[in-house]
């Protein structure tokens, strides 16, 4: 079964391809994504890597706190996204989604 890893503190120059290539040192990477800002297209400084369980555990041990493209990475098992309250405008009620 596959595990999804959170990878934080990425360099803004890191791409999904370079993240995948780096994590392949620990084992087979199923998928690697660096999240980008919608407006600028620039990296948001974090991403996700999906690997098989044994390879994922090895990757956490291998990369957490270690230097990758000039930055000390934060690597751990990803948690599900939590429910958040709706955003509010400063000038009115909560936004509605249709």
Protein backbone atom coordinates (compact mmCIF):
# COMPACT_ATOMS: atom_id res chain seq x y z
CA UNK A 1 0.00 0.00 0.00
CA UNK A 2 1.20 3.52 -0.71
CA UNK A 3 1.90 6.31 1.77
CA UNK A 4 1.70 10.00 1.03
CA UNK A 5 4.49 12.12 2.53
CA UNK A 6 4.40 15.83 3.29
CA UNK A 7 7.65 17.56 2.29
CA UNK A 8 8.08 21.06 3.72
CA UNK A 9 10.67 23.84 3.54
CA UNK A 10 11.37 23.25 -0.15
CA UNK A 11 13.45 25.72 -2.11
CA UNK A 12 11.30 27.93 -4.35
CA UNK A 13 13.27 26.56 -7.31
CA UNK A 14 12.32 22.94 -6.59
CA UNK A 15 10.10 21.34 -9.24
CA UNK A 16 7.98 18.21 -9.10
CA UNK A 17 10.53 16.49 -11.32
CA UNK A 18 13.52 17.39 -9.13
CA UNK A 19 11.59 16.35 -5.99
CA UNK A 20 10.78 12.98 -7.58
CA UNK A 21 14.39 12.49 -8.68
CA UNK A 22 15.67 13.27 -5.18
CA UNK A 23 13.26 10.94 -3.40
CA UNK A 24 13.99 8.09 -5.81
CA UNK A 25 17.22 7.66 -3.83
CA UNK A 26 15.03 6.11 -1.09
CA UNK A 27 12.94 3.92 -3.43
CA UNK A 28 10.30 3.95 -6.14
CA UNK A 29 8.26 7.17 -6.26
CA UNK A 30 4.67 6.76 -7.43
CA UNK A 31 3.94 10.49 -7.62
CA UNK A 32 5.60 13.78 -6.60
CA UNK A 33 3.93 17.20 -6.60
CA UNK A 34 5.24 20.61 -5.59
CA UNK A 35 2.32 22.93 -4.88
CA UNK A 36 2.36 26.29 -6.65
CA UNK A 37 0.67 29.63 -6.11
CA UNK A 38 -2.31 30.09 -8.45
CA UNK A 39 -1.51 33.72 -9.21
CA UNK A 40 2.27 33.69 -9.64
CA UNK A 41 2.94 30.05 -10.53
CA UNK A 42 5.80 30.08 -8.00
CA UNK A 43 6.34 27.19 -5.58
CA UNK A 44 4.57 27.50 -2.22
CA UNK A 45 7.54 25.83 -0.51
CA UNK A 46 5.97 22.44 0.12
CA UNK A 47 4.78 19.37 -1.70
CA UNK A 48 3.77 15.74 -1.48
CA UNK A 49 5.48 12.49 -2.46
CA UNK A 50 3.67 9.15 -2.75
CA UNK A 51 5.69 5.96 -2.18
CA UNK A 52 5.23 2.36 -1.06
CA UNK A 53 5.14 1.93 2.75
CA UNK A 54 8.67 0.56 3.25
CA UNK A 55 10.19 3.10 0.84
CA UNK A 56 8.22 5.93 2.49
CA UNK A 57 9.56 5.06 5.95
CA UNK A 58 13.07 4.94 4.51
CA UNK A 59 12.55 8.35 2.83
CA UNK A 60 11.38 9.94 6.10
CA UNK A 61 14.49 8.68 7.88
CA UNK A 62 16.71 9.67 4.95
CA UNK A 63 15.42 13.21 4.25
CA UNK A 64 13.82 14.67 7.42
CA UNK A 65 16.08 17.48 8.60
CA UNK A 66 18.55 16.90 5.78
CA UNK A 67 19.68 19.39 3.13
CA UNK A 68 17.93 19.27 -0.26
CA UNK A 69 18.71 21.99 -2.81
CA UNK A 70 20.02 24.25 -0.05
CA UNK A 71 17.17 23.84 2.47
CA UNK A 72 16.69 21.54 5.49
CA UNK A 73 13.56 19.52 4.66
CA UNK A 74 10.68 18.66 6.97
CA UNK A 75 9.37 15.23 5.93
CA UNK A 76 6.57 13.27 7.61
CA UNK A 77 3.50 11.23 6.78
CA UNK A 78 0.78 13.48 5.35
CA UNK A 79 -2.39 13.99 7.37
CA UNK A 80 -5.85 14.41 5.85
CA UNK A 81 -6.89 18.00 5.24
CA UNK A 82 -8.93 19.36 8.15
CA UNK A 83 -12.31 21.03 7.80
CA UNK A 84 -11.97 24.82 8.01
CA UNK A 85 -14.49 27.55 8.74
CA UNK A 86 -15.62 29.56 5.69
CA UNK A 87 -13.62 32.65 4.85
CA UNK A 88 -15.10 35.99 5.83
CA UNK A 89 -14.88 39.35 4.11
CA UNK A 90 -13.95 42.38 6.15
CA UNK A 91 -16.94 44.17 4.62
CA UNK A 92 -19.72 41.64 4.98
CA UNK A 93 -20.97 38.17 5.78
CA UNK A 94 -19.31 34.87 4.97
CA UNK A 95 -18.82 34.05 1.31
CA UNK A 96 -21.17 31.50 -0.13
CA UNK A 97 -20.01 28.84 -2.52
CA UNK A 98 -22.45 27.84 -5.22
